[in-house]
Every structure is written in C-alpha cells, then in structure tokens.
Amino acid sequence: MKKMLVAMLGAALVLGACGGNGDNNADEPAPADNNNNAEETENAAGDATYDADNAESVYVGNCAGCHGGDLTGASGPGIAGMSKDEVLTAIQEGPGSMPADLVTGDDAEDVAAWVADQ
C-alpha cells in the first residue's frame, strides 16, 4: 500500500513539474515584448538566429524541472545533444508523459535552437 501511495505521489510531482507556466488564459495573446535590446544568437549551424535570452528563460520556466538545468535530465530524460528538429518535434508531439505544445510559436523555436546549441 505504501509503495502505491509513493508511486502516485511521485507521478503527481512529475506531471506537476511539467505543467507549464501557470497561465490559465491560453486563448489570450501574450503581451508584446517591448525589449528592443534582445540579442539574437546565430545557431551552431550558422543558418538561423534566435533570442537566446528568451529561450533560456522559457526553458527554465517550462522545461528545466523535468529535463534539468544542465539538460542531462531530472524526472524526465536528458535532452543534451538533440538537434533543433528533434527538440521541436518533442515539444509539439509531447512524447511519453510530456504534454504536447507545452511551449508554442516563437518560444518553441527559440527553445529548440537554444537546446541544440548547448
């Protein structure tokens, strides 16, 4: 009985950690980013740019709880060494217990590029 209770509590913690940014107004557009000083970073392949500061912030707020601050994994798998396309597909499809579309739009593109560059 104790083992089942511990397993259920562990599963609840894992799912809770991957639950997003707590914004219950998903249908409302995000406020405009007035940070004109955002630095765009060229990815490792040199073929695209992304907002590294935004990417890291989104990763810390939505992904690090499961994938770790150093991308080597925590309650979820490590993602170090994944390509941008692999990360973007995982974000969109939500493999395993990861929710699909936890991050969307430019944020998803930025995070995928950032992870691939780490």
PDB file of N, CA and C in Angstrom:
ATOM      1  N   MET A   1       0.824  -1.199   0.000  1.00  0.00           N
ATOM      2  CA  MET A   1       0.000   0.000   0.000  1.00  0.00           C
ATOM      3  C   MET A   1       0.861   1.253   0.000  1.00  0.00           C
ATOM      4  N   LYS A   2       1.935   1.252   0.834  1.00  0.00           N
ATOM      5  CA  LYS A   2       2.805   2.413   0.890  1.00  0.00           C
ATOM      6  C   LYS A   2       3.499   2.635  -0.450  1.00  0.00           C
ATOM      7  N   LYS A   3       3.900   1.551  -1.117  1.00  0.00           N
ATOM      8  CA  LYS A   3       4.587   1.675  -2.394  1.00  0.00           C
ATOM      9  C   LYS A   3       3.678   2.335  -3.434  1.00  0.00           C
ATOM     10  N   MET A   4       2.404   1.945  -3.435  1.00  0.00           N
ATOM     11  CA  MET A   4       1.472   2.524  -4.398  1.00  0.00           C
ATOM     12  C   MET A   4       1.264   4.010  -4.107  1.00  0.00           C
ATOM     13  N   LEU A   5       1.157   4.363  -2.843  1.00  0.00           N
ATOM     14  CA  LEU A   5       0.978   5.759  -2.468  1.00  0.00           C
ATOM     15  C   LEU A   5       2.198   6.590  -2.870  1.00  0.00           C
ATOM     16  N   VAL A   6       3.383   6.057  -2.634  1.00  0.00           N
ATOM     17  CA  VAL A   6       4.609   6.761  -3.014  1.00  0.00           C
ATOM     18  C   VAL A   6       4.679   6.902  -4.529  1.00  0.00           C
ATOM     19  N   ALA A   7       4.324   5.860  -5.272  1.00  0.00           N
ATOM     20  CA  ALA A   7       4.345   5.920  -6.738  1.00  0.00           C
ATOM     21  C   ALA A   7       3.354   6.961  -7.245  1.00  0.00           C
ATOM     22  N   MET A   8       2.164   7.018  -6.660  1.00  0.00           N
ATOM     23  CA  MET A   8       1.169   8.000  -7.086  1.00  0.00           C
ATOM     24  C   MET A   8       1.642   9.420  -6.778  1.00  0.00           C
ATOM     25  N   LEU A   9       2.244   9.619  -5.611  1.00  0.00           N
ATOM     26  CA  LEU A   9       2.757  10.934  -5.250  1.00  0.00           C
ATOM     27  C   LEU A   9       3.884  11.342  -6.201  1.00  0.00           C
ATOM     28  N   GLY A  10       4.769  10.415  -6.517  1.00  0.00           N
ATOM     29  CA  GLY A  10       5.862  10.690  -7.452  1.00  0.00           C
ATOM     30  C   GLY A  10       5.334  11.070  -8.821  1.00  0.00           C
ATOM     31  N   ALA A  11       4.329  10.335  -9.311  1.00  0.00           N
ATOM     32  CA  ALA A  11       3.747  10.644 -10.624  1.00  0.00           C
ATOM     33  C   ALA A  11       3.108  12.029 -10.608  1.00  0.00           C
ATOM     34  N   ALA A  12       2.448  12.382  -9.529  1.00  0.00           N
ATOM     35  CA  ALA A  12       1.824  13.701  -9.431  1.00  0.00           C
ATOM     36  C   ALA A  12       2.876  14.803  -9.452  1.00  0.00           C
ATOM     37  N   LEU A  13       3.997  14.585  -8.775  1.00  0.00           N
ATOM     38  CA  LEU A  13       5.071  15.581  -8.784  1.00  0.00           C
ATOM     39  C   LEU A  13       5.672  15.737 -10.168  1.00  0.00           C
ATOM     40  N   VAL A  14       5.882  14.630 -10.874  1.00  0.00           N
ATOM     41  CA  VAL A  14       6.451  14.683 -12.222  1.00  0.00           C
ATOM     42  C   VAL A  14       5.517  15.444 -13.154  1.00  0.00           C
ATOM     43  N   LEU A  15       4.254  15.114 -13.135  1.00  0.00           N
ATOM     44  CA  LEU A  15       3.298  15.782 -14.010  1.00  0.00           C
ATOM     45  C   LEU A  15       3.134  17.249 -13.635  1.00  0.00           C
ATOM     46  N   GLY A  16       3.193  17.549 -12.366  1.00  0.00           N
ATOM     47  CA  GLY A  16       3.075  18.929 -11.916  1.00  0.00           C
ATOM     48  C   GLY A  16       4.257  19.773 -12.348  1.00  0.00           C
ATOM     49  N   ALA A  17       5.452  19.198 -12.332  1.00  0.00           N
ATOM     50  CA  ALA A  17       6.657  19.930 -12.721  1.00  0.00           C
ATOM     51  C   ALA A  17       6.638  20.281 -14.196  1.00  0.00           C
ATOM     52  N   CYS A  18       5.985  19.503 -15.007  1.00  0.00           N
ATOM     53  CA  CYS A  18       5.933  19.754 -16.452  1.00  0.00           C
ATOM     54  C   CYS A  18       4.659  20.480 -16.848  1.00  0.00           C
ATOM     55  N   GLY A  19       4.028  21.141 -15.913  1.00  0.00           N
ATOM     56  CA  GLY A  19       2.714  21.718 -16.153  1.00  0.00           C
ATOM     57  C   GLY A  19       2.660  23.066 -16.813  1.00  0.00           C
ATOM     58  N   GLY A  20       3.766  23.665 -17.162  1.00  0.00           N
ATOM     59  CA  GLY A  20       3.709  24.939 -17.878  1.00  0.00           C
ATOM     60  C   GLY A  20       3.941  26.120 -16.973  1.00  0.00           C
ATOM     61  N   ASN A  21       3.540  27.274 -17.430  1.00  0.00           N
ATOM     62  CA  ASN A  21       3.848  28.499 -16.721  1.00  0.00           C
ATOM     63  C   ASN A  21       2.708  28.981 -15.831  1.00  0.00           C
ATOM     64  N   GLY A  22       1.676  28.217 -15.681  1.00  0.00           N
ATOM     65  CA  GLY A  22       0.573  28.573 -14.804  1.00  0.00           C
ATOM     66  C   GLY A  22      -0.381  29.590 -15.388  1.00  0.00           C
ATOM     67  N   ASP A  23      -0.246  29.922 -16.645  1.00  0.00           N
ATOM     68  CA  ASP A  23      -1.121  30.894 -17.291  1.00  0.00           C
ATOM     69  C   ASP A  23      -2.394  30.194 -17.727  1.00  0.00           C
ATOM     70  N   ASN A  24      -3.489  30.513 -17.070  1.00  0.00           N
ATOM     71  CA  ASN A  24      -4.760  29.864 -17.386  1.00  0.00           C
ATOM     72  C   ASN A  24      -5.499  30.562 -18.517  1.00  0.00           C
ATOM     73  N   ASN A  25      -4.920  31.612 -19.076  1.00  0.00           N
ATOM     74  CA  ASN A  25      -5.550  32.359 -20.149  1.00  0.00           C
ATOM     75  C   ASN A  25      -4.868  32.036 -21.461  1.00  0.00           C
ATOM     76  N   ALA A  26      -4.829  30.780 -21.820  1.00  0.00           N
ATOM     77  CA  ALA A  26      -4.102  30.323 -23.001  1.00  0.00           C
ATOM     78  C   ALA A  26      -4.661  30.915 -24.285  1.00  0.00           C
ATOM     79  N   ASP A  27      -5.942  31.307 -24.291  1.00  0.00           N
ATOM     80  CA  ASP A  27      -6.540  31.852 -25.506  1.00  0.00           C
ATOM     81  C   ASP A  27      -6.183  33.317 -25.725  1.00  0.00           C
ATOM     82  N   GLU A  28      -5.669  33.979 -24.687  1.00  0.00           N
ATOM     83  CA  GLU A  28      -5.314  35.374 -24.815  1.00  0.00           C
ATOM     84  C   GLU A  28      -3.916  35.492 -25.395  1.00  0.00           C
ATOM     85  N   PRO A  29      -3.695  36.437 -26.272  1.00  0.00           N
ATOM     86  CA  PRO A  29      -2.349  36.612 -26.831  1.00  0.00           C
ATOM     87  C   PRO A  29      -1.382  37.076 -25.753  1.00  0.00           C
ATOM     88  N   ALA A  30      -0.130  36.684 -25.901  1.00  0.00           N
ATOM     89  CA  ALA A  30       0.897  37.109 -24.964  1.00  0.00           C
ATOM     90  C   ALA A  30       1.128  38.603 -25.135  1.00  0.00           C
ATOM     91  N   PRO A  31       1.500  39.269 -24.048  1.00  0.00           N
ATOM     92  CA  PRO A  31       1.761  40.694 -24.174  1.00  0.00           C
ATOM     93  C   PRO A  31       2.956  40.936 -25.094  1.00  0.00           C
ATOM     94  N   ALA A  32       2.950  42.078 -25.738  1.00  0.00           N
ATOM     95  CA  ALA A  32       4.032  42.412 -26.659  1.00  0.00           C
ATOM     96  C   ALA A  32       5.338  42.530 -25.899  1.00  0.00           C
ATOM     97  N   ASP A  33       6.401  42.047 -26.500  1.00  0.00           N
ATOM     98  CA  ASP A  33       7.719  42.143 -25.910  1.00  0.00           C
ATOM     99  C   ASP A  33       8.324  43.466 -26.329  1.00  0.00           C
ATOM    100  N   ASN A  34       8.454  44.355 -25.375  1.00  0.00           N
ATOM    101  CA  ASN A  34       8.993  45.672 -25.676  1.00  0.00           C
ATOM    102  C   ASN A  34      10.484  45.754 -25.430  1.00  0.00           C
ATOM    103  N   ASN A  35      11.134  44.617 -25.278  1.00  0.00           N
ATOM    104  CA  ASN A  35      12.565  44.584 -25.041  1.00  0.00           C
ATOM    105  C   ASN A  35      13.293  44.675 -26.373  1.00  0.00           C
ATOM    106  N   ASN A  36      13.620  45.876 -26.775  1.00  0.00           N
ATOM    107  CA  ASN A  36      14.305  46.073 -28.046  1.00  0.00           C
ATOM    108  C   ASN A  36      15.773  45.726 -27.963  1.00  0.00           C
ATOM    109  N   ASN A  37      16.251  45.379 -26.766  1.00  0.00           N
ATOM    110  CA  ASN A  37      17.654  45.044 -26.584  1.00  0.00           C
ATOM    111  C   ASN A  37      17.889  43.544 -26.625  1.00  0.00           C
ATOM    112  N   ALA A  38      16.896  42.756 -26.962  1.00  0.00           N
ATOM    113  CA  ALA A  38      17.058  41.310 -27.003  1.00  0.00           C
ATOM    114  C   ALA A  38      18.098  40.956 -28.055  1.00  0.00           C
ATOM    115  N   GLU A  39      19.053  40.147 -27.648  1.00  0.00           N
ATOM    116  CA  GLU A  39      20.126  39.770 -28.557  1.00  0.00           C
ATOM    117  C   GLU A  39      19.775  38.475 -29.261  1.00  0.00           C
ATOM    118  N   GLU A  40      19.837  38.506 -30.566  1.00  0.00           N
ATOM    119  CA  GLU A  40      19.596  37.294 -31.323  1.00  0.00           C
ATOM    120  C   GLU A  40      20.923  36.578 -31.504  1.00  0.00           C
ATOM    121  N   THR A  41      20.890  35.272 -31.352  1.00  0.00           N
ATOM    122  CA  THR A  41      22.085  34.449 -31.432  1.00  0.00           C
ATOM    123  C   THR A  41      21.999  33.563 -32.651  1.00  0.00           C
ATOM    124  N   GLU A  42      23.087  33.441 -33.368  1.00  0.00           N
ATOM    125  CA  GLU A  42      23.137  32.544 -34.521  1.00  0.00           C
ATOM    126  C   GLU A  42      23.320  31.129 -34.003  1.00  0.00           C
ATOM    127  N   ASN A  43      22.577  30.179 -34.582  1.00  0.00           N
ATOM    128  CA  ASN A  43      22.689  28.812 -34.104  1.00  0.00           C
ATOM    129  C   ASN A  43      24.007  28.188 -34.553  1.00  0.00           C
ATOM    130  N   ALA A  44      24.311  26.996 -34.047  1.00  0.00           N
ATOM    131  CA  ALA A  44      25.584  26.332 -34.315  1.00  0.00           C
ATOM    132  C   ALA A  44      25.814  26.112 -35.803  1.00  0.00           C
ATOM    133  N   ALA A  45      24.759  25.881 -36.559  1.00  0.00           N
ATOM    134  CA  ALA A  45      24.894  25.661 -37.999  1.00  0.00           C
ATOM    135  C   ALA A  45      25.102  26.976 -38.741  1.00  0.00           C
ATOM    136  N   GLY A  46      24.871  28.103 -38.067  1.00  0.00           N
ATOM    137  CA  GLY A  46      25.075  29.398 -38.681  1.00  0.00           C
ATOM    138  C   GLY A  46      23.989  29.797 -39.667  1.00  0.00           C
ATOM    139  N   ASP A  47      22.844  29.116 -39.630  1.00  0.00           N
ATOM    140  CA  ASP A  47      21.828  29.388 -40.642  1.00  0.00           C
ATOM    141  C   ASP A  47      20.560  30.034 -40.109  1.00  0.00           C
ATOM    142  N   ALA A  48      20.493  30.357 -38.851  1.00  0.00           N
ATOM    143  CA  ALA A  48      19.293  30.989 -38.311  1.00  0.00           C
ATOM    144  C   ALA A  48      19.650  31.718 -37.027  1.00  0.00           C
ATOM    145  N   THR A  49      18.794  32.637 -36.635  1.00  0.00           N
ATOM    146  CA  THR A  49      19.006  33.329 -35.374  1.00  0.00           C
ATOM    147  C   THR A  49      17.829  33.057 -34.460  1.00  0.00           C
ATOM    148  N   TYR A  50      18.085  33.224 -33.176  1.00  0.00           N
ATOM    149  CA  TYR A  50      17.029  33.059 -32.189  1.00  0.00           C
ATOM    150  C   TYR A  50      17.356  33.941 -30.998  1.00  0.00           C
ATOM    151  N   ASP A  51      16.374  34.193 -30.167  1.00  0.00           N
ATOM    152  CA  ASP A  51      16.540  35.016 -28.982  1.00  0.00           C
ATOM    153  C   ASP A  51      16.998  34.115 -27.838  1.00  0.00           C
ATOM    154  N   ALA A  52      18.296  34.106 -27.585  1.00  0.00           N
ATOM    155  CA  ALA A  52      18.874  33.213 -26.581  1.00  0.00           C
ATOM    156  C   ALA A  52      18.366  33.527 -25.173  1.00  0.00           C
ATOM    157  N   ASP A  53      18.208  34.817 -24.846  1.00  0.00           N
ATOM    158  CA  ASP A  53      17.719  35.180 -23.517  1.00  0.00           C
ATOM    159  C   ASP A  53      16.301  34.668 -23.305  1.00  0.00           C
ATOM    160  N   ASN A  54      15.451  34.862 -24.307  1.00  0.00           N
ATOM    161  CA  ASN A  54      14.083  34.358 -24.228  1.00  0.00           C
ATOM    162  C   ASN A  54      14.085  32.836 -24.121  1.00  0.00           C
ATOM    163  N   ALA A  55      14.903  32.193 -24.944  1.00  0.00           N
ATOM    164  CA  ALA A  55      14.945  30.730 -24.956  1.00  0.00           C
ATOM    165  C   ALA A  55      15.327  30.181 -23.589  1.00  0.00           C
ATOM    166  N   GLU A  56      16.355  30.748 -22.992  1.00  0.00           N
ATOM    167  CA  GLU A  56      16.792  30.262 -21.684  1.00  0.00           C
ATOM    168  C   GLU A  56      15.724  30.501 -20.626  1.00  0.00           C
ATOM    169  N   SER A  57      15.079  31.655 -20.677  1.00  0.00           N
ATOM    170  CA  SER A  57      14.016  31.965 -19.729  1.00  0.00           C
ATOM    171  C   SER A  57      12.837  31.000 -19.872  1.00  0.00           C
ATOM    172  N   VAL A  58      12.434  30.739 -21.101  1.00  0.00           N
ATOM    173  CA  VAL A  58      11.325  29.807 -21.352  1.00  0.00           C
ATOM    174  C   VAL A  58      11.726  28.403 -20.903  1.00  0.00           C
ATOM    175  N   TYR A  59      12.963  27.997 -21.195  1.00  0.00           N
ATOM    176  CA  TYR A  59      13.436  26.670 -20.792  1.00  0.00           C
ATOM    177  C   TYR A  59      13.393  26.526 -19.270  1.00  0.00           C
ATOM    178  N   VAL A  60      13.928  27.515 -18.569  1.00  0.00           N
ATOM    179  CA  VAL A  60      13.953  27.453 -17.106  1.00  0.00           C
ATOM    180  C   VAL A  60      12.529  27.389 -16.547  1.00  0.00           C
ATOM    181  N   GLY A  61      11.613  28.151 -17.119  1.00  0.00           N
ATOM    182  CA  GLY A  61      10.239  28.202 -16.613  1.00  0.00           C
ATOM    183  C   GLY A  61       9.377  27.017 -16.980  1.00  0.00           C
ATOM    184  N   ASN A  62       9.708  26.318 -18.069  1.00  0.00           N
ATOM    185  CA  ASN A  62       8.820  25.267 -18.550  1.00  0.00           C
ATOM    186  C   ASN A  62       9.444  23.890 -18.702  1.00  0.00           C
ATOM    187  N   CYS A  63      10.763  23.813 -18.783  1.00  0.00           N
ATOM    188  CA  CYS A  63      11.408  22.557 -19.171  1.00  0.00           C
ATOM    189  C   CYS A  63      12.407  22.024 -18.141  1.00  0.00           C
ATOM    190  N   ALA A  64      13.116  22.924 -17.472  1.00  0.00           N
ATOM    191  CA  ALA A  64      14.209  22.532 -16.588  1.00  0.00           C
ATOM    192  C   ALA A  64      13.751  21.636 -15.443  1.00  0.00           C
ATOM    193  N   GLY A  65      12.515  21.794 -15.002  1.00  0.00           N
ATOM    194  CA  GLY A  65      12.013  20.963 -13.907  1.00  0.00           C
ATOM    195  C   GLY A  65      12.053  19.482 -14.234  1.00  0.00           C
ATOM    196  N   CYS A  66      11.886  19.141 -15.496  1.00  0.00           N
ATOM    197  CA  CYS A  66      11.911  17.729 -15.910  1.00  0.00           C
ATOM    198  C   CYS A  66      13.235  17.347 -16.582  1.00  0.00           C
ATOM    199  N   HIS A  67      13.796  18.265 -17.367  1.00  0.00           N
ATOM    200  CA  HIS A  67      14.982  17.931 -18.162  1.00  0.00           C
ATOM    201  C   HIS A  67      16.275  18.430 -17.545  1.00  0.00           C
ATOM    202  N   GLY A  68      16.198  19.098 -16.398  1.00  0.00           N
ATOM    203  CA  GLY A  68      17.373  19.539 -15.669  1.00  0.00           C
ATOM    204  C   GLY A  68      17.937  20.837 -16.193  1.00  0.00           C
ATOM    205  N   GLY A  69      18.556  21.581 -15.318  1.00  0.00           N
ATOM    206  CA  GLY A  69      19.174  22.839 -15.688  1.00  0.00           C
ATOM    207  C   GLY A  69      20.328  22.666 -16.650  1.00  0.00           C
ATOM    208  N   ASP A  70      20.951  21.491 -16.605  1.00  0.00           N
ATOM    209  CA  ASP A  70      22.081  21.226 -17.497  1.00  0.00           C
ATOM    210  C   ASP A  70      21.709  20.292 -18.641  1.00  0.00           C
ATOM    211  N   LEU A  71      20.414  20.091 -18.873  1.00  0.00           N
ATOM    212  CA  LEU A  71      19.861  19.287 -19.973  1.00  0.00           C
ATOM    213  C   LEU A  71      20.141  17.793 -19.855  1.00  0.00           C
ATOM    214  N   THR A  72      20.674  17.345 -18.720  1.00  0.00           N
ATOM    215  CA  THR A  72      21.010  15.927 -18.583  1.00  0.00           C
ATOM    216  C   THR A  72      19.884  15.107 -17.977  1.00  0.00           C
ATOM    217  N   GLY A  73      18.786  15.742 -17.676  1.00  0.00           N
ATOM    218  CA  GLY A  73      17.619  15.026 -17.172  1.00  0.00           C
ATOM    219  C   GLY A  73      17.427  15.204 -15.683  1.00  0.00           C
ATOM    220  N   ALA A  74      16.206  15.068 -15.257  1.00  0.00           N
ATOM    221  CA  ALA A  74      15.809  15.092 -13.847  1.00  0.00           C
ATOM    222  C   ALA A  74      14.720  14.036 -13.730  1.00  0.00           C
ATOM    223  N   SER A  75      13.473  14.446 -13.643  1.00  0.00           N
ATOM    224  CA  SER A  75      12.380  13.469 -13.654  1.00  0.00           C
ATOM    225  C   SER A  75      12.059  13.030 -15.078  1.00  0.00           C
ATOM    226  N   GLY A  76      12.520  13.810 -16.053  1.00  0.00           N
ATOM    227  CA  GLY A  76      12.371  13.478 -17.471  1.00  0.00           C
ATOM    228  C   GLY A  76      13.732  13.146 -18.057  1.00  0.00           C
ATOM    229  N   PRO A  77      13.772  12.750 -19.309  1.00  0.00           N
ATOM    230  CA  PRO A  77      15.038  12.344 -19.927  1.00  0.00           C
ATOM    231  C   PRO A  77      15.958  13.521 -20.215  1.00  0.00           C
ATOM    232  N   GLY A  78      17.240  13.226 -20.329  1.00  0.00           N
ATOM    233  CA  GLY A  78      18.196  14.222 -20.757  1.00  0.00           C
ATOM    234  C   GLY A  78      17.948  14.566 -22.220  1.00  0.00           C
ATOM    235  N   ILE A  79      18.191  15.814 -22.567  1.00  0.00           N
ATOM    236  CA  ILE A  79      17.977  16.252 -23.948  1.00  0.00           C
ATOM    237  C   ILE A  79      19.232  16.866 -24.550  1.00  0.00           C
ATOM    238  N   ALA A  80      20.332  16.803 -23.829  1.00  0.00           N
ATOM    239  CA  ALA A  80      21.601  17.325 -24.348  1.00  0.00           C
ATOM    240  C   ALA A  80      21.963  16.550 -25.607  1.00  0.00           C
ATOM    241  N   GLY A  81      22.422  17.264 -26.616  1.00  0.00           N
ATOM    242  CA  GLY A  81      22.846  16.629 -27.857  1.00  0.00           C
ATOM    243  C   GLY A  81      21.749  16.456 -28.889  1.00  0.00           C
ATOM    244  N   MET A  82      20.524  16.828 -28.550  1.00  0.00           N
ATOM    245  CA  MET A  82      19.440  16.720 -29.522  1.00  0.00           C
ATOM    246  C   MET A  82      19.531  17.853 -30.534  1.00  0.00           C
ATOM    247  N   SER A  83      19.093  17.597 -31.765  1.00  0.00           N
ATOM    248  CA  SER A  83      19.059  18.628 -32.802  1.00  0.00           C
ATOM    249  C   SER A  83      17.841  19.529 -32.581  1.00  0.00           C
ATOM    250  N   LYS A  84      17.852  20.678 -33.249  1.00  0.00           N
ATOM    251  CA  LYS A  84      16.724  21.595 -33.164  1.00  0.00           C
ATOM    252  C   LYS A  84      15.440  20.902 -33.613  1.00  0.00           C
ATOM    253  N   ASP A  85      15.500  20.166 -34.721  1.00  0.00           N
ATOM    254  CA  ASP A  85      14.306  19.485 -35.224  1.00  0.00           C
ATOM    255  C   ASP A  85      13.802  18.441 -34.244  1.00  0.00           C
ATOM    256  N   GLU A  86      14.699  17.710 -33.601  1.00  0.00           N
ATOM    257  CA  GLU A  86      14.288  16.700 -32.615  1.00  0.00           C
ATOM    258  C   GLU A  86      13.598  17.355 -31.429  1.00  0.00           C
ATOM    259  N   VAL A  87      14.171  18.455 -30.952  1.00  0.00           N
ATOM    260  CA  VAL A  87      13.576  19.159 -29.812  1.00  0.00           C
ATOM    261  C   VAL A  87      12.219  19.736 -30.198  1.00  0.00           C
ATOM    262  N   LEU A  88      12.143  20.355 -31.359  1.00  0.00           N
ATOM    263  CA  LEU A  88      10.883  20.958 -31.802  1.00  0.00           C
ATOM    264  C   LEU A  88       9.793  19.893 -31.960  1.00  0.00           C
ATOM    265  N   THR A  89      10.138  18.743 -32.511  1.00  0.00           N
ATOM    266  CA  THR A  89       9.171  17.651 -32.648  1.00  0.00           C
ATOM    267  C   THR A  89       8.695  17.189 -31.271  1.00  0.00           C
ATOM    268  N   ALA A  90       9.630  17.051 -30.331  1.00  0.00           N
ATOM    269  CA  ALA A  90       9.259  16.622 -28.976  1.00  0.00           C
ATOM    270  C   ALA A  90       8.340  17.649 -28.322  1.00  0.00           C
ATOM    271  N   ILE A  91       8.628  18.931 -28.509  1.00  0.00           N
ATOM    272  CA  ILE A  91       7.773  19.982 -27.941  1.00  0.00           C
ATOM    273  C   ILE A  91       6.367  19.895 -28.527  1.00  0.00           C
ATOM    274  N   GLN A  92       6.278  19.688 -29.824  1.00  0.00           N
ATOM    275  CA  GLN A  92       4.978  19.679 -30.492  1.00  0.00           C
ATOM    276  C   GLN A  92       4.186  18.404 -30.211  1.00  0.00           C
ATOM    277  N   GLU A  93       4.851  17.267 -30.153  1.00  0.00           N
ATOM    278  CA  GLU A  93       4.152  15.986 -30.001  1.00  0.00           C
ATOM    279  C   GLU A  93       4.019  15.531 -28.554  1.00  0.00           C
ATOM    280  N   GLY A  94       4.906  15.974 -27.682  1.00  0.00           N
ATOM    281  CA  GLY A  94       4.843  15.565 -26.290  1.00  0.00           C
ATOM    282  C   GLY A  94       5.048  14.071 -26.083  1.00  0.00           C
ATOM    283  N   PRO A  95       6.263  13.578 -26.321  1.00  0.00           N
ATOM    284  CA  PRO A  95       6.491  12.137 -26.155  1.00  0.00           C
ATOM    285  C   PRO A  95       6.363  11.696 -24.701  1.00  0.00           C
ATOM    286  N   GLY A  96       5.991  10.448 -24.504  1.00  0.00           N
ATOM    287  CA  GLY A  96       5.856   9.907 -23.144  1.00  0.00           C
ATOM    288  C   GLY A  96       4.819  10.667 -22.350  1.00  0.00           C
ATOM    289  N   SER A  97       5.186  11.065 -21.132  1.00  0.00           N
ATOM    290  CA  SER A  97       4.242  11.777 -20.263  1.00  0.00           C
ATOM    291  C   SER A  97       4.332  13.294 -20.432  1.00  0.00           C
ATOM    292  N   MET A  98       5.169  13.763 -21.344  1.00  0.00           N
ATOM    293  CA  MET A  98       5.290  15.201 -21.583  1.00  0.00           C
ATOM    294  C   MET A  98       4.063  15.708 -22.346  1.00  0.00           C
ATOM    295  N   PRO A  99       3.473  16.806 -21.861  1.00  0.00           N
ATOM    296  CA  PRO A  99       2.320  17.355 -22.585  1.00  0.00           C
ATOM    297  C   PRO A  99       2.740  17.958 -23.929  1.00  0.00           C
ATOM    298  N   ALA A 100       1.934  17.768 -24.945  1.00  0.00           N
ATOM    299  CA  ALA A 100       2.195  18.360 -26.261  1.00  0.00           C
ATOM    300  C   ALA A 100       1.993  19.874 -26.185  1.00  0.00           C
ATOM    301  N   ASP A 101       2.739  20.596 -26.997  1.00  0.00           N
ATOM    302  CA  ASP A 101       2.613  22.048 -27.123  1.00  0.00           C
ATOM    303  C   ASP A 101       2.718  22.781 -25.796  1.00  0.00           C
ATOM    304  N   LEU A 102       3.604  22.307 -24.925  1.00  0.00           N
ATOM    305  CA  LEU A 102       3.843  22.987 -23.655  1.00  0.00           C
ATOM    306  C   LEU A 102       4.379  24.392 -23.902  1.00  0.00           C
ATOM    307  N   VAL A 103       5.143  24.537 -24.978  1.00  0.00           N
ATOM    308  CA  VAL A 103       5.665  25.819 -25.440  1.00  0.00           C
ATOM    309  C   VAL A 103       5.287  25.914 -26.913  1.00  0.00           C
ATOM    310  N   THR A 104       4.878  27.080 -27.379  1.00  0.00           N
ATOM    311  CA  THR A 104       4.425  27.205 -28.767  1.00  0.00           C
ATOM    312  C   THR A 104       5.055  28.409 -29.451  1.00  0.00           C
ATOM    313  N   GLY A 105       4.871  28.482 -30.757  1.00  0.00           N
ATOM    314  CA  GLY A 105       5.265  29.638 -31.555  1.00  0.00           C
ATOM    315  C   GLY A 105       6.755  29.927 -31.515  1.00  0.00           C
ATOM    316  N   ASP A 106       7.085  31.218 -31.443  1.00  0.00           N
ATOM    317  CA  ASP A 106       8.481  31.649 -31.424  1.00  0.00           C
ATOM    318  C   ASP A 106       9.214  31.115 -30.205  1.00  0.00           C
ATOM    319  N   ASP A 107       8.508  30.974 -29.078  1.00  0.00           N
ATOM    320  CA  ASP A 107       9.142  30.426 -27.886  1.00  0.00           C
ATOM    321  C   ASP A 107       9.638  29.008 -28.144  1.00  0.00           C
ATOM    322  N   ALA A 108       8.828  28.186 -28.803  1.00  0.00           N
ATOM    323  CA  ALA A 108       9.232  26.815 -29.112  1.00  0.00           C
ATOM    324  C   ALA A 108      10.427  26.808 -30.051  1.00  0.00           C
ATOM    325  N   GLU A 109      10.404  27.668 -31.056  1.00  0.00           N
ATOM    326  CA  GLU A 109      11.533  27.767 -31.997  1.00  0.00           C
ATOM    327  C   GLU A 109      12.802  28.196 -31.269  1.00  0.00           C
ATOM    328  N   ASP A 110      12.679  29.197 -30.386  1.00  0.00           N
ATOM    329  CA  ASP A 110      13.843  29.668 -29.638  1.00  0.00           C
ATOM    330  C   ASP A 110      14.398  28.584 -28.732  1.00  0.00           C
ATOM    331  N   VAL A 111      13.527  27.905 -27.983  1.00  0.00           N
ATOM    332  CA  VAL A 111      13.991  26.850 -27.080  1.00  0.00           C
ATOM    333  C   VAL A 111      14.661  25.723 -27.857  1.00  0.00           C
ATOM    334  N   ALA A 112      14.073  25.306 -28.955  1.00  0.00           N
ATOM    335  CA  ALA A 112      14.648  24.214 -29.743  1.00  0.00           C
ATOM    336  C   ALA A 112      16.045  24.586 -30.246  1.00  0.00           C
ATOM    337  N   ALA A 113      16.207  25.808 -30.750  1.00  0.00           N
ATOM    338  CA  ALA A 113      17.512  26.250 -31.226  1.00  0.00           C
ATOM    339  C   ALA A 113      18.504  26.352 -30.077  1.00  0.00           C
ATOM    340  N   TRP A 114      18.058  26.886 -28.946  1.00  0.00           N
ATOM    341  CA  TRP A 114      18.923  27.047 -27.779  1.00  0.00           C
ATOM    342  C   TRP A 114      19.406  25.711 -27.258  1.00  0.00           C
ATOM    343  N   VAL A 115      18.490  24.754 -27.115  1.00  0.00           N
ATOM    344  CA  VAL A 115      18.868  23.422 -26.625  1.00  0.00           C
ATOM    345  C   VAL A 115      19.880  22.784 -27.567  1.00  0.00           C
ATOM    346  N   ALA A 116      19.652  22.891 -28.862  1.00  0.00           N
ATOM    347  CA  ALA A 116      20.566  22.300 -29.840  1.00  0.00           C
ATOM    348  C   ALA A 116      21.959  22.917 -29.765  1.00  0.00           C
ATOM    349  N   ASP A 117      22.052  24.176 -29.346  1.00  0.00           N
ATOM    350  CA  ASP A 117      23.341  24.865 -29.246  1.00  0.00           C
ATOM    351  C   ASP A 117      24.080  24.601 -27.940  1.00  0.00           C
ATOM    352  N   GLN A 118      23.425  24.009 -26.978  1.00  0.00           N
ATOM    353  CA  GLN A 118      24.078  23.811 -25.672  1.00  0.00           C
ATOM    354  C   GLN A 118      25.056  22.668 -25.694  1.00  0.00           C
TER     355      GLN A 118
END
